[in-house]
Amino acid sequence: MKFLIKCLPALLLAATCFAGQPVDINTATADELATSLDGVGPAKAERIVAYRKANGAFKHADELVKVKGIGLSTVDKNRDYIRVTGTKAAAKPASSG
């Protein structure tokens, strides 16, 4: 029992090292999403990847709520860690003025 009490701080620190890492939701693998986002396990991470493949890149973090099992509270608690890239608008054609 004393051993567990002594190890508890290290275990808590280790747990926080896995969640809360910055992750690009447009390029991350399911494994990366599951280990980086709090409240997102392997099944939800697979659904994020599947949604991205079916619907294209996310334009902003709030679009994650369109994925089954991902609610606004999950997005909010991970907002500081969610990165969204690859969403630049297409270049406008040169005017023929």
PDB file of N, CA and C in Angstrom:
ATOM      1  N   MET A   1       0.815  -1.189   0.000  1.00  0.00           N
ATOM      2  CA  MET A   1       0.000   0.000   0.000  1.00  0.00           C
ATOM      3  C   MET A   1       0.863   1.260   0.000  1.00  0.00           C
ATOM      4  N   LYS A   2       1.927   1.265   0.825  1.00  0.00           N
ATOM      5  CA  LYS A   2       2.817   2.419   0.864  1.00  0.00           C
ATOM      6  C   LYS A   2       3.476   2.641  -0.501  1.00  0.00           C
ATOM      7  N   PHE A   3       3.783   1.549  -1.171  1.00  0.00           N
ATOM      8  CA  PHE A   3       4.387   1.640  -2.498  1.00  0.00           C
ATOM      9  C   PHE A   3       3.455   2.376  -3.461  1.00  0.00           C
ATOM     10  N   LEU A   4       2.169   2.040  -3.441  1.00  0.00           N
ATOM     11  CA  LEU A   4       1.195   2.694  -4.315  1.00  0.00           C
ATOM     12  C   LEU A   4       1.078   4.182  -4.012  1.00  0.00           C
ATOM     13  N   ILE A   5       1.091   4.521  -2.731  1.00  0.00           N
ATOM     14  CA  ILE A   5       0.993   5.923  -2.347  1.00  0.00           C
ATOM     15  C   ILE A   5       2.217   6.692  -2.830  1.00  0.00           C
ATOM     16  N   LYS A   6       3.375   6.083  -2.754  1.00  0.00           N
ATOM     17  CA  LYS A   6       4.597   6.736  -3.228  1.00  0.00           C
ATOM     18  C   LYS A   6       4.603   6.874  -4.746  1.00  0.00           C
ATOM     19  N   CYS A   7       3.988   5.931  -5.442  1.00  0.00           N
ATOM     20  CA  CYS A   7       3.983   5.945  -6.909  1.00  0.00           C
ATOM     21  C   CYS A   7       2.868   6.803  -7.501  1.00  0.00           C
ATOM     22  N   LEU A   8       1.877   7.139  -6.712  1.00  0.00           N
ATOM     23  CA  LEU A   8       0.725   7.872  -7.216  1.00  0.00           C
ATOM     24  C   LEU A   8       1.096   9.173  -7.926  1.00  0.00           C
ATOM     25  N   PRO A   9       1.931  10.029  -7.372  1.00  0.00           N
ATOM     26  CA  PRO A   9       2.283  11.261  -8.095  1.00  0.00           C
ATOM     27  C   PRO A   9       2.923  10.980  -9.462  1.00  0.00           C
ATOM     28  N   ALA A  10       3.765   9.985  -9.538  1.00  0.00           N
ATOM     29  CA  ALA A  10       4.397   9.653 -10.817  1.00  0.00           C
ATOM     30  C   ALA A  10       3.361   9.149 -11.820  1.00  0.00           C
ATOM     31  N   LEU A  11       2.416   8.352 -11.353  1.00  0.00           N
ATOM     32  CA  LEU A  11       1.372   7.846 -12.238  1.00  0.00           C
ATOM     33  C   LEU A  11       0.482   8.967 -12.752  1.00  0.00           C
ATOM     34  N   LEU A  12       0.146   9.899 -11.880  1.00  0.00           N
ATOM     35  CA  LEU A  12      -0.665  11.037 -12.300  1.00  0.00           C
ATOM     36  C   LEU A  12       0.081  11.894 -13.311  1.00  0.00           C
ATOM     37  N   LEU A  13       1.338  12.109 -13.093  1.00  0.00           N
ATOM     38  CA  LEU A  13       2.144  12.879 -14.031  1.00  0.00           C
ATOM     39  C   LEU A  13       2.229  12.170 -15.372  1.00  0.00           C
ATOM     40  N   ALA A  14       2.422  10.878 -15.365  1.00  0.00           N
ATOM     41  CA  ALA A  14       2.498  10.107 -16.603  1.00  0.00           C
ATOM     42  C   ALA A  14       1.190  10.181 -17.369  1.00  0.00           C
ATOM     43  N   ALA A  15       0.076  10.145 -16.680  1.00  0.00           N
ATOM     44  CA  ALA A  15      -1.226  10.208 -17.341  1.00  0.00           C
ATOM     45  C   ALA A  15      -1.419  11.539 -18.047  1.00  0.00           C
ATOM     46  N   THR A  16      -0.937  12.619 -17.447  1.00  0.00           N
ATOM     47  CA  THR A  16      -1.103  13.925 -18.075  1.00  0.00           C
ATOM     48  C   THR A  16      -0.160  14.093 -19.254  1.00  0.00           C
ATOM     49  N   CYS A  17       0.877  13.315 -19.338  1.00  0.00           N
ATOM     50  CA  CYS A  17       1.793  13.408 -20.466  1.00  0.00           C
ATOM     51  C   CYS A  17       1.176  12.843 -21.743  1.00  0.00           C
ATOM     52  N   PHE A  18       0.238  11.935 -21.601  1.00  0.00           N
ATOM     53  CA  PHE A  18      -0.355  11.317 -22.777  1.00  0.00           C
ATOM     54  C   PHE A  18      -1.479  12.149 -23.368  1.00  0.00           C
ATOM     55  N   ALA A  19      -2.297  12.755 -22.544  1.00  0.00           N
ATOM     56  CA  ALA A  19      -3.390  13.585 -23.025  1.00  0.00           C
ATOM     57  C   ALA A  19      -2.924  15.033 -23.064  1.00  0.00           C
ATOM     58  N   GLY A  20      -3.570  15.816 -23.895  1.00  0.00           N
ATOM     59  CA  GLY A  20      -3.271  17.232 -23.931  1.00  0.00           C
ATOM     60  C   GLY A  20      -2.041  17.607 -24.729  1.00  0.00           C
ATOM     61  N   GLN A  21      -1.724  16.843 -25.740  1.00  0.00           N
ATOM     62  CA  GLN A  21      -0.624  17.175 -26.631  1.00  0.00           C
ATOM     63  C   GLN A  21      -1.204  17.806 -27.897  1.00  0.00           C
ATOM     64  N   PRO A  22      -0.598  18.865 -28.431  1.00  0.00           N
ATOM     65  CA  PRO A  22      -1.114  19.462 -29.665  1.00  0.00           C
ATOM     66  C   PRO A  22      -1.192  18.421 -30.780  1.00  0.00           C
ATOM     67  N   VAL A  23      -2.298  18.452 -31.511  1.00  0.00           N
ATOM     68  CA  VAL A  23      -2.498  17.482 -32.582  1.00  0.00           C
ATOM     69  C   VAL A  23      -3.298  18.137 -33.708  1.00  0.00           C
ATOM     70  N   ASP A  24      -2.879  17.885 -34.927  1.00  0.00           N
ATOM     71  CA  ASP A  24      -3.580  18.397 -36.102  1.00  0.00           C
ATOM     72  C   ASP A  24      -4.666  17.404 -36.474  1.00  0.00           C
ATOM     73  N   ILE A  25      -5.909  17.811 -36.344  1.00  0.00           N
ATOM     74  CA  ILE A  25      -7.015  16.888 -36.598  1.00  0.00           C
ATOM     75  C   ILE A  25      -7.183  16.554 -38.078  1.00  0.00           C
ATOM     76  N   ASN A  26      -6.475  17.257 -38.952  1.00  0.00           N
ATOM     77  CA  ASN A  26      -6.554  16.955 -40.386  1.00  0.00           C
ATOM     78  C   ASN A  26      -5.465  16.004 -40.861  1.00  0.00           C
ATOM     79  N   THR A  27      -4.461  15.785 -40.051  1.00  0.00           N
ATOM     80  CA  THR A  27      -3.362  14.923 -40.492  1.00  0.00           C
ATOM     81  C   THR A  27      -3.037  13.798 -39.520  1.00  0.00           C
ATOM     82  N   ALA A  28      -3.527  13.883 -38.302  1.00  0.00           N
ATOM     83  CA  ALA A  28      -3.183  12.899 -37.271  1.00  0.00           C
ATOM     84  C   ALA A  28      -3.810  11.539 -37.561  1.00  0.00           C
ATOM     85  N   THR A  29      -3.094  10.507 -37.157  1.00  0.00           N
ATOM     86  CA  THR A  29      -3.636   9.158 -37.230  1.00  0.00           C
ATOM     87  C   THR A  29      -4.604   8.955 -36.065  1.00  0.00           C
ATOM     88  N   ALA A  30      -5.353   7.883 -36.121  1.00  0.00           N
ATOM     89  CA  ALA A  30      -6.273   7.571 -35.028  1.00  0.00           C
ATOM     90  C   ALA A  30      -5.502   7.385 -33.723  1.00  0.00           C
ATOM     91  N   ASP A  31      -4.352   6.732 -33.785  1.00  0.00           N
ATOM     92  CA  ASP A  31      -3.542   6.541 -32.579  1.00  0.00           C
ATOM     93  C   ASP A  31      -3.101   7.874 -31.989  1.00  0.00           C
ATOM     94  N   GLU A  32      -2.681   8.792 -32.844  1.00  0.00           N
ATOM     95  CA  GLU A  32      -2.245  10.112 -32.370  1.00  0.00           C
ATOM     96  C   GLU A  32      -3.401  10.882 -31.741  1.00  0.00           C
ATOM     97  N   LEU A  33      -4.573  10.803 -32.356  1.00  0.00           N
ATOM     98  CA  LEU A  33      -5.744  11.483 -31.807  1.00  0.00           C
ATOM     99  C   LEU A  33      -6.122  10.904 -30.456  1.00  0.00           C
ATOM    100  N   ALA A  34      -6.106   9.586 -30.357  1.00  0.00           N
ATOM    101  CA  ALA A  34      -6.510   8.917 -29.117  1.00  0.00           C
ATOM    102  C   ALA A  34      -5.562   9.228 -27.969  1.00  0.00           C
ATOM    103  N   THR A  35      -4.289   9.366 -28.252  1.00  0.00           N
ATOM    104  CA  THR A  35      -3.333   9.628 -27.177  1.00  0.00           C
ATOM    105  C   THR A  35      -3.177  11.116 -26.877  1.00  0.00           C
ATOM    106  N   SER A  36      -3.599  11.978 -27.786  1.00  0.00           N
ATOM    107  CA  SER A  36      -3.399  13.413 -27.605  1.00  0.00           C
ATOM    108  C   SER A  36      -4.604  14.150 -27.062  1.00  0.00           C
ATOM    109  N   LEU A  37      -5.804  13.632 -27.306  1.00  0.00           N
ATOM    110  CA  LEU A  37      -7.011  14.348 -26.913  1.00  0.00           C
ATOM    111  C   LEU A  37      -7.693  13.679 -25.733  1.00  0.00           C
ATOM    112  N   ASP A  38      -7.982  14.463 -24.733  1.00  0.00           N
ATOM    113  CA  ASP A  38      -8.650  13.978 -23.532  1.00  0.00           C
ATOM    114  C   ASP A  38     -10.091  13.603 -23.866  1.00  0.00           C
ATOM    115  N   GLY A  39     -10.508  12.420 -23.468  1.00  0.00           N
ATOM    116  CA  GLY A  39     -11.872  11.972 -23.719  1.00  0.00           C
ATOM    117  C   GLY A  39     -12.071  11.333 -25.080  1.00  0.00           C
ATOM    118  N   VAL A  40     -10.985  11.174 -25.824  1.00  0.00           N
ATOM    119  CA  VAL A  40     -11.052  10.536 -27.141  1.00  0.00           C
ATOM    120  C   VAL A  40     -10.225   9.268 -27.086  1.00  0.00           C
ATOM    121  N   GLY A  41     -10.907   8.148 -27.146  1.00  0.00           N
ATOM    122  CA  GLY A  41     -10.242   6.857 -27.152  1.00  0.00           C
ATOM    123  C   GLY A  41     -10.111   6.338 -28.575  1.00  0.00           C
ATOM    124  N   PRO A  42      -9.690   5.102 -28.725  1.00  0.00           N
ATOM    125  CA  PRO A  42      -9.473   4.529 -30.059  1.00  0.00           C
ATOM    126  C   PRO A  42     -10.717   4.547 -30.950  1.00  0.00           C
ATOM    127  N   ALA A  43     -11.887   4.237 -30.406  1.00  0.00           N
ATOM    128  CA  ALA A  43     -13.100   4.193 -31.232  1.00  0.00           C
ATOM    129  C   ALA A  43     -13.475   5.583 -31.749  1.00  0.00           C
ATOM    130  N   LYS A  44     -13.450   6.592 -30.875  1.00  0.00           N
ATOM    131  CA  LYS A  44     -13.773   7.959 -31.307  1.00  0.00           C
ATOM    132  C   LYS A  44     -12.727   8.476 -32.280  1.00  0.00           C
ATOM    133  N   ALA A  45     -11.480   8.140 -32.033  1.00  0.00           N
ATOM    134  CA  ALA A  45     -10.405   8.576 -32.923  1.00  0.00           C
ATOM    135  C   ALA A  45     -10.595   7.990 -34.319  1.00  0.00           C
ATOM    136  N   GLU A  46     -10.989   6.726 -34.392  1.00  0.00           N
ATOM    137  CA  GLU A  46     -11.258   6.098 -35.693  1.00  0.00           C
ATOM    138  C   GLU A  46     -12.424   6.797 -36.390  1.00  0.00           C
ATOM    139  N   ARG A  47     -13.433   7.209 -35.621  1.00  0.00           N
ATOM    140  CA  ARG A  47     -14.574   7.918 -36.222  1.00  0.00           C
ATOM    141  C   ARG A  47     -14.162   9.293 -36.735  1.00  0.00           C
ATOM    142  N   ILE A  48     -13.233   9.952 -36.038  1.00  0.00           N
ATOM    143  CA  ILE A  48     -12.728  11.250 -36.518  1.00  0.00           C
ATOM    144  C   ILE A  48     -12.028  11.063 -37.860  1.00  0.00           C
ATOM    145  N   VAL A  49     -11.172  10.068 -37.951  1.00  0.00           N
ATOM    146  CA  VAL A  49     -10.442   9.807 -39.201  1.00  0.00           C
ATOM    147  C   VAL A  49     -11.419   9.443 -40.318  1.00  0.00           C
ATOM    148  N   ALA A  50     -12.400   8.590 -40.026  1.00  0.00           N
ATOM    149  CA  ALA A  50     -13.385   8.184 -41.031  1.00  0.00           C
ATOM    150  C   ALA A  50     -14.196   9.391 -41.504  1.00  0.00           C
ATOM    151  N   TYR A  51     -14.593  10.248 -40.575  1.00  0.00           N
ATOM    152  CA  TYR A  51     -15.346  11.442 -40.938  1.00  0.00           C
ATOM    153  C   TYR A  51     -14.504  12.336 -41.847  1.00  0.00           C
ATOM    154  N   ARG A  52     -13.258  12.511 -41.496  1.00  0.00           N
ATOM    155  CA  ARG A  52     -12.345  13.350 -42.284  1.00  0.00           C
ATOM    156  C   ARG A  52     -12.180  12.795 -43.692  1.00  0.00           C
ATOM    157  N   LYS A  53     -12.059  11.478 -43.817  1.00  0.00           N
ATOM    158  CA  LYS A  53     -11.917  10.855 -45.134  1.00  0.00           C
ATOM    159  C   LYS A  53     -13.180  11.019 -45.972  1.00  0.00           C
ATOM    160  N   ALA A  54     -14.328  10.923 -45.328  1.00  0.00           N
ATOM    161  CA  ALA A  54     -15.601  11.009 -46.042  1.00  0.00           C
ATOM    162  C   ALA A  54     -16.001  12.439 -46.390  1.00  0.00           C
ATOM    163  N   ASN A  55     -15.617  13.407 -45.546  1.00  0.00           N
ATOM    164  CA  ASN A  55     -16.106  14.778 -45.692  1.00  0.00           C
ATOM    165  C   ASN A  55     -15.041  15.810 -45.990  1.00  0.00           C
ATOM    166  N   GLY A  56     -13.799  15.412 -46.022  1.00  0.00           N
ATOM    167  CA  GLY A  56     -12.720  16.363 -46.260  1.00  0.00           C
ATOM    168  C   GLY A  56     -12.193  16.957 -44.969  1.00  0.00           C
ATOM    169  N   ALA A  57     -11.253  17.848 -45.125  1.00  0.00           N
ATOM    170  CA  ALA A  57     -10.562  18.445 -43.982  1.00  0.00           C
ATOM    171  C   ALA A  57     -11.505  19.267 -43.119  1.00  0.00           C
ATOM    172  N   PHE A  58     -11.221  19.264 -41.821  1.00  0.00           N
ATOM    173  CA  PHE A  58     -11.946  20.111 -40.883  1.00  0.00           C
ATOM    174  C   PHE A  58     -11.486  21.548 -41.101  1.00  0.00           C
ATOM    175  N   LYS A  59     -12.419  22.483 -41.067  1.00  0.00           N
ATOM    176  CA  LYS A  59     -12.067  23.894 -41.216  1.00  0.00           C
ATOM    177  C   LYS A  59     -11.809  24.552 -39.857  1.00  0.00           C
ATOM    178  N   HIS A  60     -12.446  24.019 -38.812  1.00  0.00           N
ATOM    179  CA  HIS A  60     -12.222  24.523 -37.456  1.00  0.00           C
ATOM    180  C   HIS A  60     -12.560  23.423 -36.464  1.00  0.00           C
ATOM    181  N   ALA A  61     -12.076  23.585 -35.257  1.00  0.00           N
ATOM    182  CA  ALA A  61     -12.225  22.559 -34.222  1.00  0.00           C
ATOM    183  C   ALA A  61     -13.686  22.230 -33.927  1.00  0.00           C
ATOM    184  N   ASP A  62     -14.562  23.221 -33.998  1.00  0.00           N
ATOM    185  CA  ASP A  62     -15.964  22.996 -33.667  1.00  0.00           C
ATOM    186  C   ASP A  62     -16.636  21.970 -34.576  1.00  0.00           C
ATOM    187  N   GLU A  63     -16.081  21.726 -35.743  1.00  0.00           N
ATOM    188  CA  GLU A  63     -16.652  20.725 -36.646  1.00  0.00           C
ATOM    189  C   GLU A  63     -16.538  19.307 -36.085  1.00  0.00           C
ATOM    190  N   LEU A  64     -15.695  19.109 -35.100  1.00  0.00           N
ATOM    191  CA  LEU A  64     -15.573  17.784 -34.488  1.00  0.00           C
ATOM    192  C   LEU A  64     -16.888  17.299 -33.893  1.00  0.00           C
ATOM    193  N   VAL A  65     -17.785  18.219 -33.542  1.00  0.00           N
ATOM    194  CA  VAL A  65     -19.063  17.796 -32.963  1.00  0.00           C
ATOM    195  C   VAL A  65     -19.928  17.052 -33.978  1.00  0.00           C
ATOM    196  N   LYS A  66     -19.579  17.118 -35.240  1.00  0.00           N
ATOM    197  CA  LYS A  66     -20.303  16.371 -36.272  1.00  0.00           C
ATOM    198  C   LYS A  66     -19.949  14.888 -36.255  1.00  0.00           C
ATOM    199  N   VAL A  67     -18.890  14.550 -35.524  1.00  0.00           N
ATOM    200  CA  VAL A  67     -18.453  13.159 -35.404  1.00  0.00           C
ATOM    201  C   VAL A  67     -19.222  12.510 -34.269  1.00  0.00           C
ATOM    202  N   LYS A  68     -19.816  11.346 -34.540  1.00  0.00           N
ATOM    203  CA  LYS A  68     -20.602  10.649 -33.521  1.00  0.00           C
ATOM    204  C   LYS A  68     -19.747  10.397 -32.279  1.00  0.00           C
ATOM    205  N   GLY A  69     -20.287  10.798 -31.129  1.00  0.00           N
ATOM    206  CA  GLY A  69     -19.603  10.581 -29.863  1.00  0.00           C
ATOM    207  C   GLY A  69     -18.744  11.735 -29.404  1.00  0.00           C
ATOM    208  N   ILE A  70     -18.568  12.747 -30.249  1.00  0.00           N
ATOM    209  CA  ILE A  70     -17.778  13.923 -29.882  1.00  0.00           C
ATOM    210  C   ILE A  70     -18.743  15.072 -29.622  1.00  0.00           C
ATOM    211  N   GLY A  71     -18.752  15.547 -28.403  1.00  0.00           N
ATOM    212  CA  GLY A  71     -19.624  16.661 -28.046  1.00  0.00           C
ATOM    213  C   GLY A  71     -18.837  17.937 -27.847  1.00  0.00           C
ATOM    214  N   LEU A  72     -19.566  19.015 -27.655  1.00  0.00           N
ATOM    215  CA  LEU A  72     -18.926  20.312 -27.471  1.00  0.00           C
ATOM    216  C   LEU A  72     -18.032  20.336 -26.240  1.00  0.00           C
ATOM    217  N   SER A  73     -18.408  19.600 -25.195  1.00  0.00           N
ATOM    218  CA  SER A  73     -17.572  19.588 -23.983  1.00  0.00           C
ATOM    219  C   SER A  73     -16.215  18.949 -24.268  1.00  0.00           C
ATOM    220  N   THR A  74     -16.191  17.918 -25.109  1.00  0.00           N
ATOM    221  CA  THR A  74     -14.913  17.292 -25.487  1.00  0.00           C
ATOM    222  C   THR A  74     -14.066  18.266 -26.296  1.00  0.00           C
ATOM    223  N   VAL A  75     -14.703  18.969 -27.219  1.00  0.00           N
ATOM    224  CA  VAL A  75     -13.979  19.963 -28.025  1.00  0.00           C
ATOM    225  C   VAL A  75     -13.450  21.065 -27.113  1.00  0.00           C
ATOM    226  N   ASP A  76     -14.286  21.563 -26.227  1.00  0.00           N
ATOM    227  CA  ASP A  76     -13.875  22.664 -25.341  1.00  0.00           C
ATOM    228  C   ASP A  76     -12.692  22.299 -24.453  1.00  0.00           C
ATOM    229  N   LYS A  77     -12.701  21.091 -23.883  1.00  0.00           N
ATOM    230  CA  LYS A  77     -11.595  20.744 -22.982  1.00  0.00           C
ATOM    231  C   LYS A  77     -10.299  20.451 -23.738  1.00  0.00           C
ATOM    232  N   ASN A  78     -10.380  20.287 -25.061  1.00  0.00           N
ATOM    233  CA  ASN A  78      -9.184  20.033 -25.870  1.00  0.00           C
ATOM    234  C   ASN A  78      -8.836  21.196 -26.791  1.00  0.00           C
ATOM    235  N   ARG A  79      -9.599  22.263 -26.713  1.00  0.00           N
ATOM    236  CA  ARG A  79      -9.451  23.373 -27.668  1.00  0.00           C
ATOM    237  C   ARG A  79      -8.000  23.887 -27.765  1.00  0.00           C
ATOM    238  N   ASP A  80      -7.298  23.953 -26.668  1.00  0.00           N
ATOM    239  CA  ASP A  80      -5.918  24.463 -26.685  1.00  0.00           C
ATOM    240  C   ASP A  80      -4.954  23.516 -27.395  1.00  0.00           C
ATOM    241  N   TYR A  81      -5.358  22.280 -27.599  1.00  0.00           N
ATOM    242  CA  TYR A  81      -4.478  21.279 -28.190  1.00  0.00           C
ATOM    243  C   TYR A  81      -4.843  20.921 -29.624  1.00  0.00           C
ATOM    244  N   ILE A  82      -6.017  21.338 -30.069  1.00  0.00           N
ATOM    245  CA  ILE A  82      -6.476  20.997 -31.416  1.00  0.00           C
ATOM    246  C   ILE A  82      -5.878  21.979 -32.415  1.00  0.00           C
ATOM    247  N   ARG A  83      -5.245  21.441 -33.412  1.00  0.00           N
ATOM    248  CA  ARG A  83      -4.687  22.234 -34.518  1.00  0.00           C
ATOM    249  C   ARG A  83      -5.454  21.868 -35.776  1.00  0.00           C
ATOM    250  N   VAL A  84      -5.665  22.863 -36.644  1.00  0.00           N
ATOM    251  CA  VAL A  84      -6.373  22.644 -37.903  1.00  0.00           C
ATOM    252  C   VAL A  84      -5.537  23.269 -39.009  1.00  0.00           C
ATOM    253  N   THR A  85      -5.020  22.430 -39.899  1.00  0.00           N
ATOM    254  CA  THR A  85      -4.235  22.939 -41.023  1.00  0.00           C
ATOM    255  C   THR A  85      -4.818  22.417 -42.323  1.00  0.00           C
ATOM    256  N   GLY A  86      -4.230  22.862 -43.411  1.00  0.00           N
ATOM    257  CA  GLY A  86      -4.658  22.381 -44.714  1.00  0.00           C
ATOM    258  C   GLY A  86      -5.995  22.931 -45.142  1.00  0.00           C
ATOM    259  N   THR A  87      -6.403  24.076 -44.581  1.00  0.00           N
ATOM    260  CA  THR A  87      -7.718  24.615 -44.911  1.00  0.00           C
ATOM    261  C   THR A  87      -7.620  25.988 -45.559  1.00  0.00           C
ATOM    262  N   LYS A  88      -6.492  26.300 -46.151  1.00  0.00           N
ATOM    263  CA  LYS A  88      -6.352  27.604 -46.798  1.00  0.00           C
ATOM    264  C   LYS A  88      -7.317  27.697 -47.982  1.00  0.00           C
ATOM    265  N   ALA A  89      -7.862  28.873 -48.159  1.00  0.00           N
ATOM    266  CA  ALA A  89      -8.773  29.074 -49.282  1.00  0.00           C
ATOM    267  C   ALA A  89      -8.011  28.980 -50.593  1.00  0.00           C
ATOM    268  N   ALA A  90      -8.679  28.511 -51.603  1.00  0.00           N
ATOM    269  CA  ALA A  90      -8.039  28.400 -52.924  1.00  0.00           C
ATOM    270  C   ALA A  90      -7.665  29.800 -53.406  1.00  0.00           C
ATOM    271  N   ALA A  91      -6.558  29.861 -54.105  1.00  0.00           N
ATOM    272  CA  ALA A  91      -6.104  31.158 -54.632  1.00  0.00           C
ATOM    273  C   ALA A  91      -7.120  31.694 -55.629  1.00  0.00           C
ATOM    274  N   LYS A  92      -7.375  32.986 -55.567  1.00  0.00           N
ATOM    275  CA  LYS A  92      -8.298  33.615 -56.503  1.00  0.00           C
ATOM    276  C   LYS A  92      -7.594  33.768 -57.846  1.00  0.00           C
ATOM    277  N   PRO A  93      -8.329  33.556 -58.946  1.00  0.00           N
ATOM    278  CA  PRO A  93      -7.717  33.741 -60.253  1.00  0.00           C
ATOM    279  C   PRO A  93      -7.382  35.213 -60.481  1.00  0.00           C
ATOM    280  N   ALA A  94      -6.343  35.459 -61.231  1.00  0.00           N
ATOM    281  CA  ALA A  94      -5.926  36.829 -61.510  1.00  0.00           C
ATOM    282  C   ALA A  94      -7.017  37.533 -62.295  1.00  0.00           C
ATOM    283  N   SER A  95      -7.264  38.780 -61.955  1.00  0.00           N
ATOM    284  CA  SER A  95      -8.301  39.532 -62.677  1.00  0.00           C
ATOM    285  C   SER A  95      -7.815  39.875 -64.070  1.00  0.00           C
ATOM    286  N   SER A  96      -8.747  39.912 -64.979  1.00  0.00           N
ATOM    287  CA  SER A  96      -8.365  40.192 -66.380  1.00  0.00           C
ATOM    288  C   SER A  96      -8.698  41.625 -66.705  1.00  0.00           C
ATOM    289  N   GLY A  97      -8.372  42.536 -65.764  1.00  0.00           N
ATOM    290  CA  GLY A  97      -8.709  43.934 -65.802  1.00  0.00           C
ATOM    291  C   GLY A  97      -8.012  44.678 -66.802  1.00  0.00           C
TER     292      GLY A  97
END
